[in-house]
Protein backbone atom coordinates (compact mmCIF):
# COMPACT_ATOMS: atom_id res chain seq x y z
CA UNK A 1 20.77 46.81 -33.63
CA UNK A 2 23.52 46.92 -31.05
CA UNK A 3 21.05 46.08 -28.31
CA UNK A 4 19.79 43.09 -30.28
CA UNK A 5 23.35 41.96 -30.96
CA UNK A 6 24.28 42.26 -27.29
CA UNK A 7 21.09 40.52 -26.37
CA UNK A 8 21.83 37.66 -28.74
CA UNK A 9 25.39 37.38 -27.45
CA UNK A 10 24.17 37.44 -23.86
CA UNK A 11 21.54 34.84 -24.70
CA UNK A 12 24.12 32.60 -26.37
CA UNK A 13 26.45 33.00 -23.41
CA UNK A 14 23.61 32.13 -21.02
CA UNK A 15 22.79 29.04 -23.07
CA UNK A 16 26.42 27.90 -23.00
CA UNK A 17 26.60 28.44 -19.23
CA UNK A 18 23.32 26.57 -18.72
CA UNK A 19 24.52 23.63 -20.80
CA UNK A 20 27.78 23.49 -18.86
CA UNK A 21 25.93 23.66 -15.59
CA UNK A 22 23.46 20.92 -16.59
CA UNK A 23 26.13 18.37 -17.47
CA UNK A 24 25.65 15.33 -15.25
CA UNK A 25 22.45 16.72 -13.76
CA UNK A 26 20.56 13.45 -14.23
CA UNK A 27 23.24 11.54 -12.36
CA UNK A 28 23.26 14.11 -9.56
CA UNK A 29 19.47 13.98 -9.29
CA UNK A 30 19.55 10.17 -9.19
CA UNK A 31 22.23 10.26 -6.50
CA UNK A 32 20.23 12.83 -4.50
CA UNK A 33 17.05 10.72 -4.73
CA UNK A 34 18.97 7.61 -3.65
CA UNK A 35 20.48 9.41 -0.66
CA UNK A 36 17.11 10.91 0.27
CA UNK A 37 15.52 7.46 0.17
CA UNK A 38 18.28 6.02 2.35
CA UNK A 39 17.84 8.87 4.84
CA UNK A 40 14.07 8.34 4.96
CA UNK A 41 14.43 4.59 5.51
CA UNK A 42 17.04 5.17 8.22
CA UNK A 43 14.79 7.69 9.99
CA UNK A 44 11.81 5.34 9.89
CA UNK A 45 13.98 2.48 11.21
CA UNK A 46 15.24 4.65 14.08
CA UNK A 47 11.68 5.70 14.92
CA UNK A 48 10.50 2.08 14.92
CA UNK A 49 13.39 1.00 17.15
CA UNK A 50 12.77 3.91 19.53
CA UNK A 51 9.06 3.06 19.70
CA UNK A 52 9.75 -0.60 20.40
CA UNK A 53 12.26 0.29 23.12
CA UNK A 54 9.86 2.80 24.69
CA UNK A 55 7.03 0.26 24.73
CA UNK A 56 9.36 -2.39 26.16
CA UNK A 57 10.53 -0.06 28.94
CA UNK A 58 6.96 1.00 29.68
CA UNK A 59 5.78 -2.60 29.85
CA UNK A 60 8.70 -3.48 32.16
CA UNK A 61 7.81 -0.60 34.48
CA UNK A 62 4.13 -1.49 34.50
CA UNK A 63 4.88 -5.20 34.82
CA UNK A 64 7.14 -4.74 37.83
CA UNK A 65 4.40 -3.20 39.94
CA UNK A 66 3.01 -5.41 42.69
CA UNK A 67 -0.52 -5.01 41.36
CA UNK A 68 0.59 -6.32 37.98
CA UNK A 69 2.25 -9.34 39.61
CA UNK A 70 -0.83 -10.26 41.61
CA UNK A 71 0.62 -9.07 44.92
CA UNK A 72 -1.48 -7.01 47.28
CA UNK A 73 -0.67 -3.51 48.32
CA UNK A 74 0.32 -2.99 51.96
CA UNK A 75 -3.07 -1.55 52.89
CA UNK A 76 -4.90 -4.42 51.22
CA UNK A 77 -2.65 -6.96 52.92
CA UNK A 78 -3.27 -5.37 56.33
CA UNK A 79 -7.03 -5.44 55.75
CA UNK A 80 -6.88 -9.12 54.82
CA UNK A 81 -4.85 -9.94 57.94
CA UNK A 82 -7.29 -7.99 60.14
CA UNK A 83 -10.22 -9.85 58.57
CA UNK A 84 -8.52 -13.18 59.16
CA UNK A 85 -7.82 -12.30 62.81
CA UNK A 86 -11.38 -11.07 63.38
CA UNK A 87 -12.90 -14.15 61.77
CA UNK A 88 -10.70 -16.61 63.67
């Protein structure tokens, strides 16, 4: 009987501790979910901004090349000049 009595007392004590620990748990869970959502949205926004900046930089680098601007490379320009001189 002593074991059952100690068991019941331990069980009651555990229940009291669990109830004390669970107070405000819904509010904490709501707050955690809200913060997690904000963190996810912020991470996605940072990734989108980084992607846009990377694409913009890449397009600027590609766009600044002479071939992208319609200019000839030095070798092509020399060939054209030689052809013009030979044909003249």
